[in-house]
Amino acid sequence: MIETPRLSHPPTPDWKALLAIGVGAIIFAALLGQIRFLGHDWAAYFARQDSGFVIQRPNPSYPPWVLNVILRPLTELPPYTGLAILNGLTLAALTVLTFRYARFRFPEQPAPAYAGVLLVILSPLPWATLWLGQVDVMLLLGLVSMPFGVPLLLGKLHTGVWAGLASRRDFLWCAAWGVLSILIWGFWPLPILTQTTDLVLSHPITMGWRALSPALALLGAILLLLTDRDPLRLIAAGSFISPYMMPYHYLVLLPALGKTYGWRQVLLWATSWIFVAVMGIATPETKWLSLSFPLLVWIFLAPRLALRPLLQDPDLLINRLWRTARQVLGGWQSIARR
């Protein structure tokens, strides 16, 4: 008998969510187009110049398909027009995902959905991302369109790759895209590794274990093995393993506000404000404190935390890996006996 995975979010691809995001993006883009966000990263790394349509400063920390394919429709536009659409997509994706997750998790209670959307809007992470003109909305769109959203999810490899462990289907799609992309663009992970290493050593607000302590990677590995199929929990655990993180990278975890309610929802929202301290006063203390946000996402979204029931959960990554290893070993033994 095949087990049906337990889901804490709508099955993907979620076409209703994608349609709502598209409509919301149009509305938000029209409103945000009236605001002159700084858009430093958009202007520096993504937007094309009006004369000659040449990228100003290519950023090798992104996979090649991000600039060459995904962002091309926006980079062909005037810089502020592209930025307004990008920011509209970001706000629409955040609000729609938070609302959809809440209605799926609490179908009889509308309050968590409305409270979650309000707290997302009042969190500093979306506005910091909009001000910078960053492209983390790719991860949000990838989450709701899996498995077809693999190129979007892997647009920020060190953050999105962990969500690919949510199911065997998603993992195989990620692996297939990885092989195909290397055949098309060559061994692109090498310049990304070099660039992120340089950023860890140079940028004052970088986070991750390279900037703080290797103990974070060990903690992340343990959390990852004890994580179920929830992609947000997988990303939260994986963020401790990633050597390079920036405060706005945790934007992808904000829809977790739709999966919590009451004091947990408020506390999770409150911890998102610690990233303001990191961006304003980048000290090891503020960075360590800000990691309470992904840790609380992992804890609050857990279906159970008691050790014995936890270890018996068939959806844990460690249990799924064990079953896969047994199936592979059994297959080899069957072949050997023939």
Protein backbone atom coordinates (compact mmCIF):
# COMPACT_ATOMS: atom_id res chain seq x y z
CA MET A 1 0.00 0.00 0.00
CA ILE A 2 1.42 3.39 -1.02
CA GLU A 3 1.40 6.03 1.71
CA THR A 4 -0.16 9.39 0.89
CA PRO A 5 2.18 12.16 2.09
CA ARG A 6 0.74 14.44 4.76
CA LEU A 7 0.50 18.00 3.46
CA SER A 8 0.29 21.22 5.44
CA HIS A 9 -0.16 23.33 2.30
CA PRO A 10 -2.16 23.11 -0.96
CA PRO A 11 -0.84 20.55 -3.47
CA THR A 12 1.38 21.96 -6.20
CA PRO A 13 1.21 23.23 -8.84
CA ASP A 14 -1.37 25.52 -7.23
CA TRP A 15 -2.98 27.15 -10.26
CA LYS A 16 -5.47 29.17 -8.19
CA ALA A 17 -2.62 30.74 -6.25
CA LEU A 18 -0.70 31.52 -9.44
CA LEU A 19 -3.75 33.19 -10.98
CA ALA A 20 -4.33 35.25 -7.83
CA ILE A 21 -0.66 36.27 -7.77
CA GLY A 22 -0.90 37.43 -11.37
CA VAL A 23 -3.95 39.59 -10.68
CA GLY A 24 -2.47 40.90 -7.43
CA ALA A 25 0.82 41.75 -9.14
CA ILE A 26 -0.97 44.02 -11.62
CA ILE A 27 -2.70 45.90 -8.81
CA PHE A 28 0.40 46.17 -6.60
CA ALA A 29 2.62 47.18 -9.53
CA ALA A 30 0.27 50.05 -10.38
CA LEU A 31 0.41 51.26 -6.78
CA LEU A 32 4.11 50.69 -6.21
CA GLY A 33 4.97 52.35 -9.51
CA GLN A 34 4.13 55.64 -7.83
CA ILE A 35 6.90 55.09 -5.25
CA ARG A 36 10.55 55.62 -6.17
CA PHE A 37 12.18 52.71 -4.38
CA LEU A 38 15.97 52.87 -4.40
CA GLY A 39 16.22 49.53 -6.23
CA HIS A 40 20.00 49.38 -5.84
CA ASP A 41 20.39 45.66 -6.55
CA TRP A 42 17.90 45.79 -9.43
CA ALA A 43 19.78 48.69 -11.05
CA ALA A 44 23.24 47.28 -10.31
CA TYR A 45 22.84 43.60 -11.15
CA PHE A 46 19.68 43.01 -13.15
CA ALA A 47 18.14 45.99 -15.00
CA ARG A 48 19.43 46.89 -18.42
CA GLN A 49 20.63 50.38 -19.30
CA ASP A 50 18.40 52.47 -21.56
CA SER A 51 21.23 52.83 -24.08
CA GLY A 52 22.57 49.62 -25.55
CA PHE A 53 20.63 47.25 -23.27
CA VAL A 54 23.78 46.06 -21.52
CA ILE A 55 23.79 44.56 -18.05
CA GLN A 56 25.62 47.06 -15.84
CA ARG A 57 27.44 44.63 -13.53
CA PRO A 58 26.94 40.90 -14.17
CA ASN A 59 26.52 39.05 -10.89
CA PRO A 60 27.89 35.48 -11.06
CA SER A 61 26.22 34.56 -7.76
CA TYR A 62 23.04 33.76 -9.72
CA PRO A 63 22.56 30.77 -12.04
CA PRO A 64 22.79 31.76 -15.72
CA TRP A 65 19.12 31.16 -16.50
CA VAL A 66 18.05 33.86 -14.02
CA LEU A 67 19.34 36.74 -16.17
CA ASN A 68 19.16 35.01 -19.53
CA VAL A 69 15.62 33.64 -19.27
CA ILE A 70 13.54 34.34 -16.14
CA LEU A 71 14.20 38.05 -15.72
CA ARG A 72 14.55 38.90 -19.42
CA PRO A 73 10.90 40.11 -19.83
CA LEU A 74 11.44 42.59 -16.97
CA THR A 75 14.98 43.67 -17.84
CA GLU A 76 13.87 44.68 -21.34
CA LEU A 77 11.61 47.31 -19.76
CA PRO A 78 12.70 50.72 -18.42
CA PRO A 79 14.38 50.13 -15.04
CA TYR A 80 11.67 51.59 -12.81
CA THR A 81 8.90 49.86 -14.75
CA GLY A 82 10.61 46.51 -14.36
CA LEU A 83 11.22 47.23 -10.67
CA ALA A 84 7.54 48.11 -10.09
CA ILE A 85 6.41 44.82 -11.67
CA LEU A 86 9.01 42.86 -9.73
CA ASN A 87 7.90 44.46 -6.46
CA GLY A 88 4.25 43.92 -7.35
CA LEU A 89 4.94 40.24 -7.86
CA THR A 90 6.76 40.08 -4.53
CA LEU A 91 3.93 41.56 -2.48
CA ALA A 92 1.28 39.58 -4.36
CA ALA A 93 3.13 36.28 -3.91
CA LEU A 94 3.67 36.89 -0.20
CA THR A 95 0.06 37.80 0.52
CA VAL A 96 -1.48 35.07 -1.64
CA LEU A 97 0.78 32.31 -0.27
CA THR A 98 0.19 33.39 3.31
CA PHE A 99 -3.57 33.48 2.76
CA ARG A 100 -3.67 30.13 0.91
CA TYR A 101 -1.52 28.38 3.51
CA ALA A 102 -3.73 29.70 6.32
CA ARG A 103 -7.00 28.67 4.66
CA PHE A 104 -5.57 25.20 4.00
CA ARG A 105 -4.24 24.77 7.53
CA PHE A 106 -7.20 26.38 9.34
CA PRO A 107 -10.18 25.76 6.99
CA GLU A 108 -12.75 26.56 9.67
CA GLN A 109 -11.05 29.74 10.92
CA PRO A 110 -10.68 32.78 8.62
CA ALA A 111 -8.89 34.85 11.30
CA PRO A 112 -5.40 33.26 10.85
CA ALA A 113 -5.47 34.09 7.13
CA TYR A 114 -6.34 37.77 7.55
CA ALA A 115 -4.01 38.17 10.54
CA GLY A 116 -1.20 36.45 8.64
CA VAL A 117 -1.53 38.72 5.61
CA LEU A 118 -1.61 41.81 7.82
CA LEU A 119 1.51 40.74 9.71
CA VAL A 120 3.34 39.94 6.48
CA ILE A 121 2.64 43.45 5.21
CA LEU A 122 3.80 44.88 8.55
CA SER A 123 7.02 42.87 8.57
CA PRO A 124 10.22 44.70 7.56
CA LEU A 125 11.43 41.90 5.26
CA PRO A 126 9.14 42.65 2.28
CA TRP A 127 9.92 46.36 2.36
CA ALA A 128 13.66 45.79 2.66
CA THR A 129 13.45 43.48 -0.36
CA LEU A 130 11.38 45.99 -2.34
CA TRP A 131 13.76 48.82 -1.43
CA LEU A 132 16.74 46.80 -2.62
CA GLY A 133 14.99 45.50 -5.72
CA GLN A 134 15.88 41.89 -4.99
CA VAL A 135 14.47 38.89 -6.85
CA ASP A 136 13.60 36.47 -4.03
CA VAL A 137 10.05 36.31 -5.36
CA MET A 138 11.41 33.59 -7.67
CA LEU A 139 11.45 31.21 -4.71
CA LEU A 140 7.85 32.00 -3.76
CA LEU A 141 6.65 31.44 -7.31
CA GLY A 142 8.71 28.26 -7.50
CA LEU A 143 7.10 26.89 -4.34
CA VAL A 144 3.55 27.15 -5.71
CA SER A 145 4.39 25.89 -9.20
CA MET A 146 6.45 22.79 -8.39
CA PRO A 147 7.58 20.67 -10.12
CA PHE A 148 7.46 23.04 -13.10
CA GLY A 149 8.86 25.83 -10.93
CA VAL A 150 12.25 24.16 -10.42
CA PRO A 151 14.18 26.85 -12.39
CA LEU A 152 12.51 29.50 -10.21
CA LEU A 153 13.13 27.63 -6.97
CA LEU A 154 16.80 27.14 -7.84
CA GLY A 155 17.19 30.77 -8.92
CA LYS A 156 18.74 31.31 -5.49
CA LEU A 157 20.40 27.96 -5.13
CA HIS A 158 21.57 28.17 -1.52
CA THR A 159 18.03 28.97 -0.33
CA GLY A 160 15.65 27.15 -2.64
CA VAL A 161 17.48 23.85 -3.11
CA TRP A 162 16.30 22.57 0.28
CA ALA A 163 12.64 22.67 -0.75
CA GLY A 164 13.51 20.15 -3.46
CA LEU A 165 13.73 17.53 -0.70
CA ALA A 166 9.98 17.74 -0.04
CA SER A 167 9.26 14.72 -2.24
CA ARG A 168 10.95 12.27 -4.55
CA ARG A 169 9.18 13.95 -7.46
CA ASP A 170 10.61 17.37 -6.64
CA PHE A 171 14.09 15.98 -5.99
CA LEU A 172 14.20 14.21 -9.35
CA TRP A 173 13.00 17.32 -11.17
CA CYS A 174 15.69 19.39 -9.43
CA ALA A 175 18.36 16.83 -10.34
CA ALA A 176 17.19 16.67 -13.95
CA TRP A 177 17.22 20.47 -14.25
CA GLY A 178 20.69 20.59 -12.71
CA VAL A 179 22.07 18.17 -15.31
CA LEU A 180 20.27 19.90 -18.19
CA SER A 181 21.44 23.36 -17.12
CA ILE A 182 25.08 22.23 -16.96
CA LEU A 183 24.77 20.81 -20.47
CA ILE A 184 23.39 24.16 -21.69
CA TRP A 185 25.50 26.67 -19.71
CA GLY A 186 28.53 24.67 -18.63
CA PHE A 187 29.63 24.13 -15.02
CA TRP A 188 27.96 27.26 -13.67
CA PRO A 189 28.08 26.27 -9.92
CA LEU A 190 31.84 27.02 -9.76
CA PRO A 191 31.60 30.84 -10.22
CA ILE A 192 28.65 30.89 -7.80
CA LEU A 193 30.75 29.15 -5.16
CA THR A 194 33.61 31.61 -5.71
CA GLN A 195 31.35 34.65 -5.62
CA THR A 196 29.50 33.64 -2.45
CA THR A 197 32.78 32.87 -0.71
CA ASP A 198 33.99 36.38 -1.55
CA LEU A 199 30.72 37.87 -0.29
CA VAL A 200 30.96 35.99 3.00
CA LEU A 201 34.36 37.50 3.59
CA SER A 202 33.52 41.04 2.45
CA HIS A 203 29.93 42.05 3.18
CA PRO A 204 29.22 43.19 6.76
CA ILE A 205 25.64 41.84 6.97
CA THR A 206 26.29 38.36 5.60
CA MET A 207 25.01 35.52 7.76
CA GLY A 208 25.31 31.74 7.63
CA TRP A 209 27.83 29.45 9.25
CA ARG A 210 30.84 30.85 7.37
CA ALA A 211 30.16 34.24 8.98
CA LEU A 212 29.22 32.91 12.43
CA SER A 213 30.19 29.35 13.33
CA PRO A 214 30.45 25.88 11.71
CA ALA A 215 28.21 24.69 14.58
CA LEU A 216 25.30 26.22 12.64
CA ALA A 217 25.87 23.77 9.79
CA LEU A 218 25.81 20.85 12.22
CA LEU A 219 22.59 22.11 13.78
CA GLY A 220 21.06 22.59 10.34
CA ALA A 221 22.00 19.05 9.27
CA ILE A 222 20.30 17.60 12.36
CA LEU A 223 17.19 19.73 11.86
CA LEU A 224 17.05 18.83 8.16
CA LEU A 225 17.10 15.08 8.85
CA LEU A 226 14.29 15.56 11.38
CA THR A 227 12.14 17.63 9.01
CA ASP A 228 8.98 16.39 7.30
CA ARG A 229 7.80 17.30 3.78
CA ASP A 230 6.95 20.92 4.54
CA PRO A 231 9.10 23.00 2.12
CA LEU A 232 9.19 25.98 4.48
CA ARG A 233 10.57 23.84 7.30
CA LEU A 234 13.12 22.34 4.90
CA ILE A 235 14.26 25.82 3.84
CA ALA A 236 14.39 26.94 7.48
CA ALA A 237 16.62 24.00 8.40
CA GLY A 238 18.69 24.39 5.24
CA SER A 239 19.34 28.07 5.99
CA PHE A 240 21.56 26.93 8.88
CA ILE A 241 23.54 24.73 6.47
CA SER A 242 23.98 27.39 3.79
CA PRO A 243 27.35 29.14 4.26
CA TYR A 244 25.97 32.41 2.90
CA MET A 245 22.70 34.10 3.88
CA MET A 246 21.53 37.70 3.84
CA PRO A 247 18.66 39.06 5.98
CA TYR A 248 16.30 39.46 3.02
CA HIS A 249 16.84 35.81 2.01
CA TYR A 250 14.50 34.86 4.86
CA LEU A 251 11.64 36.52 2.96
CA VAL A 252 10.69 33.10 1.57
CA LEU A 253 9.82 31.95 5.11
CA LEU A 254 7.33 34.76 5.81
CA PRO A 255 4.29 32.78 4.50
CA ALA A 256 4.82 30.58 7.57
CA LEU A 257 2.79 33.29 9.32
CA GLY A 258 -0.21 31.74 7.57
CA LYS A 259 0.53 28.35 9.13
CA THR A 260 0.51 29.66 12.70
CA TYR A 261 -2.05 31.45 14.84
CA GLY A 262 -2.36 33.26 18.15
CA TRP A 263 0.75 33.98 20.18
CA ARG A 264 2.90 31.83 17.87
CA GLN A 265 1.94 33.98 14.89
CA VAL A 266 2.69 37.20 16.78
CA LEU A 267 6.01 35.91 18.15
CA LEU A 268 7.14 34.71 14.74
CA TRP A 269 6.29 38.12 13.26
CA ALA A 270 8.11 39.91 16.09
CA THR A 271 11.32 37.94 15.50
CA SER A 272 11.32 39.03 11.84
CA TRP A 273 12.04 42.56 13.10
CA ILE A 274 15.40 41.47 14.49
CA PHE A 275 16.72 41.55 10.91
CA VAL A 276 16.41 45.34 11.08
CA ALA A 277 19.10 45.27 13.77
CA VAL A 278 21.30 43.10 11.54
CA MET A 279 20.93 45.52 8.62
CA GLY A 280 21.52 48.52 10.90
CA ILE A 281 24.03 47.18 13.44
CA ALA A 282 25.76 44.16 11.96
CA THR A 283 27.27 42.42 14.97
CA PRO A 284 27.60 38.69 15.72
CA GLU A 285 25.09 39.17 18.54
CA THR A 286 22.36 40.61 16.32
CA LYS A 287 23.00 37.92 13.71
CA TRP A 288 22.74 35.10 16.24
CA LEU A 289 19.58 36.62 17.67
CA SER A 290 17.97 36.96 14.25
CA LEU A 291 18.36 33.21 13.68
CA SER A 292 15.48 32.76 16.12
CA PHE A 293 13.22 33.50 13.12
CA PRO A 294 14.08 30.41 11.00
CA LEU A 295 14.34 28.31 14.16
CA LEU A 296 10.82 29.29 15.24
CA VAL A 297 9.53 28.56 11.72
CA TRP A 298 10.95 25.06 12.05
CA ILE A 299 9.49 24.58 15.55
CA PHE A 300 6.05 26.15 15.08
CA LEU A 301 5.32 24.34 11.81
CA ALA A 302 6.30 20.94 13.21
CA PRO A 303 3.37 18.48 13.43
CA ARG A 304 4.98 17.02 16.58
CA LEU A 305 8.11 17.63 18.65
CA ALA A 306 8.03 14.83 21.25
CA LEU A 307 11.07 12.69 20.44
CA ARG A 308 9.50 9.22 20.12
CA PRO A 309 6.50 10.24 17.95
CA LEU A 310 8.81 12.49 15.97
CA LEU A 311 11.21 9.70 15.08
CA GLN A 312 8.30 7.47 14.07
CA ASP A 313 7.03 9.98 11.53
CA PRO A 314 7.36 8.31 8.08
CA ASP A 315 7.61 11.73 6.42
CA LEU A 316 10.86 12.68 8.16
CA LEU A 317 13.72 13.11 5.72
CA ILE A 318 15.88 10.60 7.59
CA ASN A 319 13.12 7.97 7.41
CA ARG A 320 12.53 8.64 3.73
CA LEU A 321 16.25 8.33 3.02
CA TRP A 322 16.35 5.06 4.95
CA ARG A 323 13.41 3.65 2.96
CA THR A 324 15.02 4.70 -0.31
CA ALA A 325 18.33 3.10 0.70
CA ARG A 326 16.53 -0.16 1.56
CA GLN A 327 14.68 -0.13 -1.75
CA VAL A 328 17.90 0.43 -3.69
CA LEU A 329 19.70 -2.29 -1.72
CA GLY A 330 16.79 -4.67 -2.22
CA GLY A 331 16.83 -3.97 -5.95
CA TRP A 332 20.55 -4.73 -6.22
CA GLN A 333 20.13 -7.93 -4.23
CA SER A 334 17.28 -9.00 -6.50
CA ILE A 335 19.44 -8.38 -9.58
CA ALA A 336 22.37 -10.26 -7.99
CA ARG A 337 20.21 -13.34 -7.34
CA ARG A 338 19.16 -13.64 -10.98
